[in-house]
């Protein structure tokens, strides 16, 4: 009950999304190193979700 987000996969995805949003927010503030981290974090979340979907669809297609 301490960290239900960590227990669920959806929770992890949301946690990563929150980190991305925070990074984007800092980047908007005008930080120098943050912009480099935000674009890297955003694609990572999308790539993970995309890979999971692709892996699930791959077996039936084959």
C-alpha atoms as a PDB file:
ATOM      1  CA  UNK A   1       0.000   0.000   0.000  1.00  0.00           C
ATOM      2  CA  UNK A   2       3.048   2.209   0.293  1.00  0.00           C
ATOM      3  CA  UNK A   3       3.743   2.307  -3.438  1.00  0.00           C
ATOM      4  CA  UNK A   4       0.872   0.782  -5.446  1.00  0.00           C
ATOM      5  CA  UNK A   5       2.268   2.449  -8.567  1.00  0.00           C
ATOM      6  CA  UNK A   6       5.478   0.459  -8.342  1.00  0.00           C
ATOM      7  CA  UNK A   7       3.499  -2.770  -8.009  1.00  0.00           C
ATOM      8  CA  UNK A   8       1.482  -2.238 -11.175  1.00  0.00           C
ATOM      9  CA  UNK A   9       2.890  -1.976 -14.686  1.00  0.00           C
ATOM     10  CA  UNK A  10       0.509   0.874 -15.474  1.00  0.00           C
ATOM     11  CA  UNK A  11       1.784   2.580 -12.361  1.00  0.00           C
ATOM     12  CA  UNK A  12       5.360   2.407 -13.610  1.00  0.00           C
ATOM     13  CA  UNK A  13       4.346   3.826 -16.974  1.00  0.00           C
ATOM     14  CA  UNK A  14       2.515   6.667 -15.237  1.00  0.00           C
ATOM     15  CA  UNK A  15       5.483   7.253 -12.940  1.00  0.00           C
ATOM     16  CA  UNK A  16       7.806   7.525 -15.946  1.00  0.00           C
ATOM     17  CA  UNK A  17       5.288   9.812 -17.638  1.00  0.00           C
ATOM     18  CA  UNK A  18       5.297  12.057 -14.577  1.00  0.00           C
ATOM     19  CA  UNK A  19       9.092  12.196 -14.703  1.00  0.00           C
ATOM     20  CA  UNK A  20       8.901  13.153 -18.382  1.00  0.00           C
ATOM     21  CA  UNK A  21       6.398  15.901 -17.618  1.00  0.00           C
ATOM     22  CA  UNK A  22       8.613  17.224 -14.839  1.00  0.00           C
ATOM     23  CA  UNK A  23      11.619  17.181 -17.161  1.00  0.00           C
ATOM     24  CA  UNK A  24       9.657  19.021 -19.851  1.00  0.00           C
ATOM     25  CA  UNK A  25       8.515  21.548 -17.263  1.00  0.00           C
ATOM     26  CA  UNK A  26      12.102  22.210 -16.188  1.00  0.00           C
ATOM     27  CA  UNK A  27      13.145  22.461 -19.825  1.00  0.00           C
ATOM     28  CA  UNK A  28      10.434  25.081 -20.378  1.00  0.00           C
ATOM     29  CA  UNK A  29      11.914  27.077 -17.498  1.00  0.00           C
ATOM     30  CA  UNK A  30      15.082  27.475 -19.556  1.00  0.00           C
ATOM     31  CA  UNK A  31      17.483  24.959 -18.001  1.00  0.00           C
ATOM     32  CA  UNK A  32      20.515  24.038 -20.138  1.00  0.00           C
ATOM     33  CA  UNK A  33      21.042  20.371 -19.217  1.00  0.00           C
ATOM     34  CA  UNK A  34      17.368  19.574 -18.753  1.00  0.00           C
ATOM     35  CA  UNK A  35      16.360  19.918 -22.452  1.00  0.00           C
ATOM     36  CA  UNK A  36      18.845  17.166 -23.249  1.00  0.00           C
ATOM     37  CA  UNK A  37      17.228  14.861 -20.702  1.00  0.00           C
ATOM     38  CA  UNK A  38      13.571  15.573 -21.508  1.00  0.00           C
ATOM     39  CA  UNK A  39      13.615  14.514 -25.191  1.00  0.00           C
ATOM     40  CA  UNK A  40      15.473  11.370 -24.155  1.00  0.00           C
ATOM     41  CA  UNK A  41      12.954  10.502 -21.436  1.00  0.00           C
ATOM     42  CA  UNK A  42       9.831  11.093 -23.539  1.00  0.00           C
ATOM     43  CA  UNK A  43      10.744   8.672 -26.375  1.00  0.00           C
ATOM     44  CA  UNK A  44      11.757   6.053 -23.808  1.00  0.00           C
ATOM     45  CA  UNK A  45       8.226   5.910 -22.419  1.00  0.00           C
ATOM     46  CA  UNK A  46       6.692   5.747 -25.891  1.00  0.00           C
ATOM     47  CA  UNK A  47       9.205   3.147 -27.061  1.00  0.00           C
ATOM     48  CA  UNK A  48       8.461   0.898 -24.082  1.00  0.00           C
ATOM     49  CA  UNK A  49       4.723   1.031 -24.708  1.00  0.00           C
ATOM     50  CA  UNK A  50       5.228   0.521 -28.444  1.00  0.00           C
ATOM     51  CA  UNK A  51       7.519  -2.455 -27.923  1.00  0.00           C
ATOM     52  CA  UNK A  52       5.037  -4.096 -25.573  1.00  0.00           C
ATOM     53  CA  UNK A  53       2.218  -3.704 -28.093  1.00  0.00           C
ATOM     54  CA  UNK A  54       4.367  -4.875 -30.993  1.00  0.00           C
ATOM     55  CA  UNK A  55       5.561  -7.932 -29.082  1.00  0.00           C
ATOM     56  CA  UNK A  56       1.976  -8.889 -28.283  1.00  0.00           C
ATOM     57  CA  UNK A  57       0.843  -8.545 -31.896  1.00  0.00           C
ATOM     58  CA  UNK A  58       3.927 -10.241 -33.348  1.00  0.00           C
ATOM     59  CA  UNK A  59       3.142 -13.865 -32.272  1.00  0.00           C
ATOM     60  CA  UNK A  60      -0.379 -13.963 -33.809  1.00  0.00           C
ATOM     61  CA  UNK A  61       0.830 -12.445 -37.100  1.00  0.00           C
ATOM     62  CA  UNK A  62       3.602 -15.012 -37.418  1.00  0.00           C
END
